Amino acid sequence: MLLAEEPMHGYQLMQAIADRSDGRWTPSPGAIYPTINQLEDEGLVTVTAEAGRKLVTLTDAGREYVEGRRETSVDPFAPFASTSPGADLRGLLDELASATRQVARTGSEEQRTAAAKILAEARRSLYLLLADAPIQTEQDPED
């Protein structure tokens, strides 16, 4: 669908998907490039080198494929457009991962053990949230 709009490099495809999904769907190179290879094997795209980068372009067969399914295909980005804005869970997860890496690199054994307990409890709490179970958080004794 994206290539029907314009030819793109693999990185551009990843960025376009991330942009259209508001960052909630960001494919990795390990997902994009094998897909491009498969589409090329099927004759739906051509890949040409341009300034050291591979440009992916729909072939005539690829354009026919997209056009032939335009009426019956589901827009893969529609679910992202219909969601209401909410907490930036992805950003928070990135921050949590960064803090976890820092504890793993520079924390004492005691800090790493405490971090493991915190992460396990966070995982457990998220699953309880999905199960609609009441979530109990420990109160700081100073609160």
N, C-alpha and C. Protein backbone atom coordinates (compact mmCIF):
# COMPACT_ATOMS: atom_id res chain seq x y z
N MET A 1 0.83 -1.19 0.00
CA MET A 1 0.00 0.00 0.00
C MET A 1 0.88 1.26 0.00
N LEU A 2 1.91 1.25 0.84
CA LEU A 2 2.80 2.42 0.90
C LEU A 2 3.57 2.60 -0.40
N LEU A 3 3.99 1.50 -0.99
CA LEU A 3 4.75 1.59 -2.23
C LEU A 3 3.88 2.04 -3.41
N ALA A 4 2.56 1.92 -3.28
CA ALA A 4 1.66 2.43 -4.32
C ALA A 4 1.69 3.95 -4.34
N GLU A 5 2.04 4.55 -3.22
CA GLU A 5 2.13 6.01 -3.13
C GLU A 5 3.42 6.53 -3.74
N GLU A 6 4.53 5.83 -3.44
CA GLU A 6 5.83 6.22 -3.98
C GLU A 6 6.86 5.14 -3.69
N PRO A 7 7.89 5.03 -4.52
CA PRO A 7 8.98 4.08 -4.21
C PRO A 7 9.68 4.52 -2.92
N MET A 8 10.13 3.55 -2.16
CA MET A 8 10.79 3.86 -0.89
C MET A 8 11.95 2.91 -0.65
N HIS A 9 12.87 3.37 0.19
CA HIS A 9 13.93 2.53 0.72
C HIS A 9 13.35 1.77 1.91
N GLY A 10 14.02 0.69 2.32
CA GLY A 10 13.55 -0.09 3.45
C GLY A 10 13.37 0.75 4.70
N TYR A 11 14.35 1.61 4.98
CA TYR A 11 14.25 2.47 6.17
C TYR A 11 13.06 3.40 6.06
N GLN A 12 12.80 3.93 4.86
CA GLN A 12 11.65 4.81 4.67
C GLN A 12 10.35 4.05 4.94
N LEU A 13 10.29 2.80 4.53
CA LEU A 13 9.10 1.99 4.80
C LEU A 13 8.89 1.82 6.31
N MET A 14 9.98 1.51 7.02
CA MET A 14 9.88 1.35 8.47
C MET A 14 9.39 2.65 9.11
N GLN A 15 9.93 3.78 8.65
CA GLN A 15 9.56 5.08 9.20
C GLN A 15 8.11 5.42 8.87
N ALA A 16 7.68 5.14 7.64
CA ALA A 16 6.31 5.44 7.24
C ALA A 16 5.31 4.62 8.06
N ILE A 17 5.63 3.36 8.31
CA ILE A 17 4.76 2.51 9.12
C ILE A 17 4.70 3.05 10.55
N ALA A 18 5.85 3.41 11.10
CA ALA A 18 5.88 3.97 12.45
C ALA A 18 5.08 5.27 12.52
N ASP A 19 5.23 6.12 11.52
CA ASP A 19 4.51 7.40 11.51
C ASP A 19 3.00 7.19 11.42
N ARG A 20 2.57 6.32 10.52
CA ARG A 20 1.14 6.11 10.32
C ARG A 20 0.47 5.37 11.48
N SER A 21 1.27 4.66 12.25
CA SER A 21 0.72 3.95 13.41
C SER A 21 0.97 4.74 14.69
N ASP A 22 1.40 5.96 14.54
CA ASP A 22 1.69 6.82 15.68
C ASP A 22 2.70 6.18 16.63
N GLY A 23 3.66 5.48 16.03
CA GLY A 23 4.74 4.86 16.81
C GLY A 23 4.37 3.55 17.48
N ARG A 24 3.16 3.08 17.29
CA ARG A 24 2.75 1.85 17.96
C ARG A 24 3.10 0.60 17.18
N TRP A 25 3.52 0.77 15.94
CA TRP A 25 3.94 -0.37 15.12
C TRP A 25 5.21 0.06 14.41
N THR A 26 6.32 -0.44 14.86
CA THR A 26 7.61 -0.10 14.26
C THR A 26 8.32 -1.38 13.86
N PRO A 27 8.20 -1.77 12.60
CA PRO A 27 8.84 -3.01 12.18
C PRO A 27 10.36 -2.88 12.19
N SER A 28 11.01 -3.98 12.41
CA SER A 28 12.47 -4.01 12.43
C SER A 28 12.99 -4.32 11.03
N PRO A 29 14.28 -4.09 10.79
CA PRO A 29 14.86 -4.49 9.51
C PRO A 29 14.67 -5.99 9.27
N GLY A 30 14.67 -6.77 10.33
CA GLY A 30 14.48 -8.22 10.21
C GLY A 30 13.09 -8.60 9.74
N ALA A 31 12.15 -7.68 9.81
CA ALA A 31 10.80 -7.93 9.30
C ALA A 31 10.63 -7.31 7.90
N ILE A 32 11.19 -6.14 7.70
CA ILE A 32 11.00 -5.42 6.42
C ILE A 32 11.76 -6.06 5.27
N TYR A 33 13.05 -6.31 5.47
CA TYR A 33 13.86 -6.77 4.33
C TYR A 33 13.49 -8.16 3.83
N PRO A 34 13.18 -9.12 4.68
CA PRO A 34 12.69 -10.40 4.14
C PRO A 34 11.36 -10.25 3.39
N THR A 35 10.52 -9.34 3.85
CA THR A 35 9.25 -9.09 3.16
C THR A 35 9.51 -8.50 1.79
N ILE A 36 10.44 -7.56 1.72
CA ILE A 36 10.81 -6.97 0.42
C ILE A 36 11.34 -8.07 -0.50
N ASN A 37 12.20 -8.94 0.02
CA ASN A 37 12.74 -10.03 -0.79
C ASN A 37 11.63 -10.94 -1.31
N GLN A 38 10.65 -11.24 -0.45
CA GLN A 38 9.54 -12.10 -0.87
C GLN A 38 8.72 -11.42 -1.97
N LEU A 39 8.43 -10.13 -1.79
CA LEU A 39 7.67 -9.40 -2.80
C LEU A 39 8.44 -9.35 -4.13
N GLU A 40 9.75 -9.24 -4.04
CA GLU A 40 10.58 -9.24 -5.25
C GLU A 40 10.52 -10.62 -5.91
N ASP A 41 10.62 -11.69 -5.12
CA ASP A 41 10.53 -13.05 -5.66
C ASP A 41 9.19 -13.29 -6.35
N GLU A 42 8.14 -12.66 -5.83
CA GLU A 42 6.79 -12.82 -6.40
C GLU A 42 6.57 -11.89 -7.60
N GLY A 43 7.56 -11.05 -7.92
CA GLY A 43 7.44 -10.16 -9.06
C GLY A 43 6.58 -8.93 -8.82
N LEU A 44 6.32 -8.62 -7.54
CA LEU A 44 5.47 -7.48 -7.22
C LEU A 44 6.25 -6.19 -7.04
N VAL A 45 7.56 -6.30 -6.76
CA VAL A 45 8.41 -5.12 -6.63
C VAL A 45 9.74 -5.37 -7.33
N THR A 46 10.39 -4.27 -7.65
CA THR A 46 11.78 -4.34 -8.10
C THR A 46 12.62 -3.58 -7.09
N VAL A 47 13.85 -4.02 -6.94
CA VAL A 47 14.77 -3.37 -6.01
C VAL A 47 15.98 -2.92 -6.83
N THR A 48 16.22 -1.62 -6.80
CA THR A 48 17.35 -1.08 -7.55
C THR A 48 18.25 -0.30 -6.60
N ALA A 49 19.54 -0.33 -6.89
CA ALA A 49 20.50 0.41 -6.07
C ALA A 49 20.48 1.87 -6.50
N GLU A 50 20.37 2.74 -5.51
CA GLU A 50 20.36 4.18 -5.77
C GLU A 50 21.18 4.85 -4.68
N ALA A 51 22.32 5.39 -5.05
CA ALA A 51 23.21 6.07 -4.11
C ALA A 51 23.56 5.17 -2.93
N GLY A 52 23.81 3.90 -3.21
CA GLY A 52 24.21 2.97 -2.17
C GLY A 52 23.06 2.40 -1.36
N ARG A 53 21.85 2.79 -1.69
CA ARG A 53 20.67 2.30 -0.97
C ARG A 53 19.77 1.58 -1.97
N LYS A 54 18.98 0.66 -1.45
CA LYS A 54 18.08 -0.10 -2.32
C LYS A 54 16.70 0.54 -2.34
N LEU A 55 16.27 0.94 -3.52
CA LEU A 55 14.97 1.56 -3.70
C LEU A 55 13.98 0.50 -4.13
N VAL A 56 12.86 0.43 -3.43
CA VAL A 56 11.83 -0.58 -3.72
C VAL A 56 10.70 0.10 -4.47
N THR A 57 10.36 -0.44 -5.64
CA THR A 57 9.34 0.13 -6.50
C THR A 57 8.36 -0.97 -6.91
N LEU A 58 7.07 -0.64 -6.92
CA LEU A 58 6.09 -1.61 -7.40
C LEU A 58 6.29 -1.85 -8.89
N THR A 59 6.13 -3.09 -9.29
CA THR A 59 6.12 -3.44 -10.71
C THR A 59 4.70 -3.23 -11.22
N ASP A 60 4.48 -3.42 -12.52
CA ASP A 60 3.12 -3.35 -13.05
C ASP A 60 2.24 -4.39 -12.35
N ALA A 61 2.78 -5.58 -12.15
CA ALA A 61 2.03 -6.64 -11.46
C ALA A 61 1.72 -6.23 -10.02
N GLY A 62 2.66 -5.55 -9.38
CA GLY A 62 2.45 -5.08 -8.02
C GLY A 62 1.35 -4.03 -7.95
N ARG A 63 1.35 -3.10 -8.91
CA ARG A 63 0.30 -2.08 -8.95
C ARG A 63 -1.07 -2.72 -9.20
N GLU A 64 -1.12 -3.71 -10.11
CA GLU A 64 -2.37 -4.42 -10.37
C GLU A 64 -2.84 -5.14 -9.10
N TYR A 65 -1.91 -5.73 -8.38
CA TYR A 65 -2.25 -6.44 -7.14
C TYR A 65 -2.87 -5.48 -6.13
N VAL A 66 -2.24 -4.33 -5.93
CA VAL A 66 -2.75 -3.34 -4.97
C VAL A 66 -4.11 -2.82 -5.43
N GLU A 67 -4.22 -2.44 -6.69
CA GLU A 67 -5.49 -1.89 -7.20
C GLU A 67 -6.60 -2.92 -7.13
N GLY A 68 -6.30 -4.17 -7.44
CA GLY A 68 -7.31 -5.23 -7.43
C GLY A 68 -7.85 -5.53 -6.04
N ARG A 69 -7.14 -5.13 -5.02
CA ARG A 69 -7.57 -5.39 -3.65
C ARG A 69 -7.96 -4.13 -2.89
N ARG A 70 -7.91 -3.01 -3.55
CA ARG A 70 -8.20 -1.73 -2.87
C ARG A 70 -9.60 -1.72 -2.26
N GLU A 71 -10.57 -2.27 -2.94
CA GLU A 71 -11.96 -2.25 -2.45
C GLU A 71 -12.18 -3.24 -1.30
N THR A 72 -11.47 -4.35 -1.31
CA THR A 72 -11.72 -5.41 -0.32
C THR A 72 -10.66 -5.48 0.77
N SER A 73 -9.56 -4.81 0.59
CA SER A 73 -8.48 -4.86 1.59
C SER A 73 -8.81 -4.00 2.80
N VAL A 74 -8.30 -4.41 3.91
CA VAL A 74 -8.43 -3.63 5.13
C VAL A 74 -7.19 -2.75 5.25
N ASP A 75 -7.41 -1.49 5.53
CA ASP A 75 -6.29 -0.58 5.73
C ASP A 75 -5.58 -0.98 7.02
N PRO A 76 -4.31 -1.39 6.94
CA PRO A 76 -3.62 -1.85 8.15
C PRO A 76 -3.39 -0.74 9.18
N PHE A 77 -3.56 0.50 8.77
CA PHE A 77 -3.33 1.61 9.69
C PHE A 77 -4.62 2.13 10.31
N ALA A 78 -5.77 1.65 9.84
CA ALA A 78 -7.06 2.13 10.36
C ALA A 78 -7.21 1.93 11.87
N PRO A 79 -6.80 0.78 12.42
CA PRO A 79 -6.96 0.63 13.87
C PRO A 79 -6.19 1.67 14.68
N PHE A 80 -5.09 2.15 14.14
CA PHE A 80 -4.30 3.14 14.85
C PHE A 80 -4.95 4.51 14.82
N ALA A 81 -5.65 4.81 13.73
CA ALA A 81 -6.32 6.10 13.60
C ALA A 81 -7.54 6.18 14.50
N SER A 82 -8.17 5.03 14.77
CA SER A 82 -9.41 5.06 15.54
C SER A 82 -9.18 5.01 17.05
N THR A 83 -7.95 4.82 17.46
CA THR A 83 -7.71 4.77 18.90
C THR A 83 -7.58 6.18 19.44
N SER A 84 -8.07 6.34 20.61
CA SER A 84 -7.99 7.65 21.23
C SER A 84 -6.60 7.84 21.82
N PRO A 85 -6.15 9.06 21.91
CA PRO A 85 -4.84 9.29 22.49
C PRO A 85 -4.83 8.84 23.94
N GLY A 86 -3.75 8.25 24.33
CA GLY A 86 -3.64 7.79 25.70
C GLY A 86 -2.21 7.91 26.17
N ALA A 87 -1.92 7.19 27.21
CA ALA A 87 -0.57 7.21 27.74
C ALA A 87 0.41 6.69 26.71
N ASP A 88 1.57 7.25 26.67
CA ASP A 88 2.62 6.83 25.75
C ASP A 88 3.33 5.62 26.35
N LEU A 89 2.71 4.45 26.26
CA LEU A 89 3.29 3.25 26.86
C LEU A 89 4.63 2.90 26.24
N ARG A 90 4.75 3.10 24.93
CA ARG A 90 6.00 2.76 24.26
C ARG A 90 7.15 3.62 24.81
N GLY A 91 6.91 4.90 24.96
CA GLY A 91 7.93 5.79 25.51
C GLY A 91 8.30 5.40 26.93
N LEU A 92 7.28 5.09 27.72
CA LEU A 92 7.54 4.67 29.10
C LEU A 92 8.33 3.36 29.14
N LEU A 93 8.00 2.45 28.23
CA LEU A 93 8.73 1.18 28.18
C LEU A 93 10.19 1.42 27.79
N ASP A 94 10.42 2.32 26.85
CA ASP A 94 11.80 2.65 26.47
C ASP A 94 12.56 3.22 27.65
N GLU A 95 11.90 4.09 28.43
CA GLU A 95 12.56 4.66 29.61
C GLU A 95 12.85 3.59 30.66
N LEU A 96 11.91 2.66 30.83
CA LEU A 96 12.11 1.57 31.77
C LEU A 96 13.28 0.69 31.33
N ALA A 97 13.35 0.39 30.05
CA ALA A 97 14.45 -0.42 29.53
C ALA A 97 15.79 0.28 29.74
N SER A 98 15.82 1.59 29.54
CA SER A 98 17.05 2.35 29.74
C SER A 98 17.49 2.31 31.20
N ALA A 99 16.54 2.50 32.11
CA ALA A 99 16.86 2.44 33.53
C ALA A 99 17.33 1.05 33.93
N THR A 100 16.70 0.02 33.37
CA THR A 100 17.07 -1.36 33.67
C THR A 100 18.50 -1.64 33.19
N ARG A 101 18.83 -1.18 31.99
CA ARG A 101 20.20 -1.37 31.48
C ARG A 101 21.21 -0.68 32.39
N GLN A 102 20.86 0.52 32.87
CA GLN A 102 21.78 1.25 33.75
C GLN A 102 22.01 0.50 35.05
N VAL A 103 20.94 -0.04 35.65
CA VAL A 103 21.09 -0.82 36.87
C VAL A 103 21.93 -2.07 36.59
N ALA A 104 21.69 -2.71 35.47
CA ALA A 104 22.44 -3.92 35.13
C ALA A 104 23.93 -3.62 34.96
N ARG A 105 24.25 -2.47 34.39
CA ARG A 105 25.65 -2.11 34.14
C ARG A 105 26.37 -1.61 35.39
N THR A 106 25.70 -0.77 36.17
CA THR A 106 26.42 -0.08 37.24
C THR A 106 25.91 -0.37 38.64
N GLY A 107 24.79 -1.07 38.73
CA GLY A 107 24.22 -1.33 40.05
C GLY A 107 24.96 -2.42 40.81
N SER A 108 24.82 -2.39 42.13
CA SER A 108 25.40 -3.45 42.96
C SER A 108 24.55 -4.71 42.82
N GLU A 109 25.05 -5.80 43.35
CA GLU A 109 24.29 -7.05 43.30
C GLU A 109 22.95 -6.88 44.01
N GLU A 110 22.95 -6.17 45.11
CA GLU A 110 21.71 -5.92 45.85
C GLU A 110 20.73 -5.10 45.01
N GLN A 111 21.22 -4.10 44.29
CA GLN A 111 20.36 -3.27 43.43
C GLN A 111 19.81 -4.08 42.26
N ARG A 112 20.64 -4.94 41.67
CA ARG A 112 20.18 -5.78 40.57
C ARG A 112 19.11 -6.77 41.04
N THR A 113 19.27 -7.32 42.23
CA THR A 113 18.27 -8.23 42.79
C THR A 113 16.96 -7.49 43.03
N ALA A 114 17.05 -6.29 43.58
CA ALA A 114 15.84 -5.48 43.83
C ALA A 114 15.17 -5.11 42.50
N ALA A 115 15.96 -4.77 41.50
CA ALA A 115 15.42 -4.42 40.19
C ALA A 115 14.68 -5.61 39.58
N ALA A 116 15.23 -6.80 39.72
CA ALA A 116 14.57 -8.00 39.20
C ALA A 116 13.20 -8.20 39.84
N LYS A 117 13.11 -7.95 41.14
CA LYS A 117 11.82 -8.07 41.84
C LYS A 117 10.84 -7.01 41.34
N ILE A 118 11.32 -5.80 41.14
CA ILE A 118 10.46 -4.72 40.65
C ILE A 118 9.91 -5.07 39.26
N LEU A 119 10.78 -5.56 38.39
CA LEU A 119 10.36 -5.90 37.03
C LEU A 119 9.37 -7.06 37.04
N ALA A 120 9.62 -8.06 37.86
CA ALA A 120 8.69 -9.20 37.96
C ALA A 120 7.33 -8.73 38.47
N GLU A 121 7.33 -7.83 39.44
CA GLU A 121 6.06 -7.31 39.97
C GLU A 121 5.33 -6.46 38.93
N ALA A 122 6.08 -5.70 38.15
CA ALA A 122 5.46 -4.88 37.10
C ALA A 122 4.79 -5.79 36.06
N ARG A 123 5.47 -6.84 35.66
CA ARG A 123 4.91 -7.80 34.70
C ARG A 123 3.63 -8.40 35.26
N ARG A 124 3.68 -8.84 36.51
CA ARG A 124 2.53 -9.45 37.17
C ARG A 124 1.36 -8.45 37.22
N SER A 125 1.64 -7.23 37.58
CA SER A 125 0.61 -6.20 37.68
C SER A 125 -0.05 -5.93 36.34
N LEU A 126 0.73 -5.94 35.26
CA LEU A 126 0.16 -5.70 33.93
C LEU A 126 -0.79 -6.83 33.54
N TYR A 127 -0.41 -8.07 33.84
CA TYR A 127 -1.31 -9.18 33.53
C TYR A 127 -2.56 -9.13 34.38
N LEU A 128 -2.43 -8.72 35.63
CA LEU A 128 -3.61 -8.56 36.48
C LEU A 128 -4.53 -7.47 35.92
N LEU A 129 -3.94 -6.42 35.41
CA LEU A 129 -4.71 -5.34 34.79
C LEU A 129 -5.56 -5.89 33.65
N LEU A 130 -4.94 -6.70 32.79
CA LEU A 130 -5.68 -7.29 31.67
C LEU A 130 -6.77 -8.24 32.14
N ALA A 131 -6.57 -8.85 33.29
CA ALA A 131 -7.56 -9.78 33.84
C ALA A 131 -8.63 -9.06 34.64
N ASP A 132 -8.59 -7.73 34.64
CA ASP A 132 -9.54 -6.91 35.41
C ASP A 132 -9.50 -7.21 36.90
N ALA A 133 -8.36 -7.65 37.37
CA ALA A 133 -8.20 -7.91 38.80
C ALA A 133 -7.81 -6.61 39.50
N PRO A 134 -8.20 -6.47 40.77
CA PRO A 134 -7.77 -5.26 41.48
C PRO A 134 -6.26 -5.25 41.63
N ILE A 135 -5.69 -4.10 41.40
CA ILE A 135 -4.24 -3.97 41.49
C ILE A 135 -3.91 -3.27 42.79
N GLN A 136 -3.10 -3.92 43.58
CA GLN A 136 -2.67 -3.32 44.84
C GLN A 136 -1.22 -2.92 44.71
N THR A 137 -0.95 -1.68 45.05
CA THR A 137 0.43 -1.22 45.03
C THR A 137 0.86 -0.96 46.45
N GLU A 138 2.11 -1.22 46.69
CA GLU A 138 2.63 -0.97 48.04
C GLU A 138 2.76 0.53 48.24
N GLN A 139 2.35 0.99 49.38
CA GLN A 139 2.49 2.41 49.71
C GLN A 139 3.85 2.64 50.34
N ASP A 140 4.46 3.72 49.98
CA ASP A 140 5.72 4.12 50.58
C ASP A 140 5.42 4.45 52.05
N PRO A 141 6.19 3.90 52.99
CA PRO A 141 5.90 4.15 54.41
C PRO A 141 5.87 5.64 54.76
N GLU A 142 6.52 6.48 53.95
CA GLU A 142 6.52 7.90 54.25
C GLU A 142 5.28 8.60 53.72
N ASP A 143 4.44 7.91 52.92
CA ASP A 143 3.21 8.52 52.38
C ASP A 143 2.15 8.65 53.43
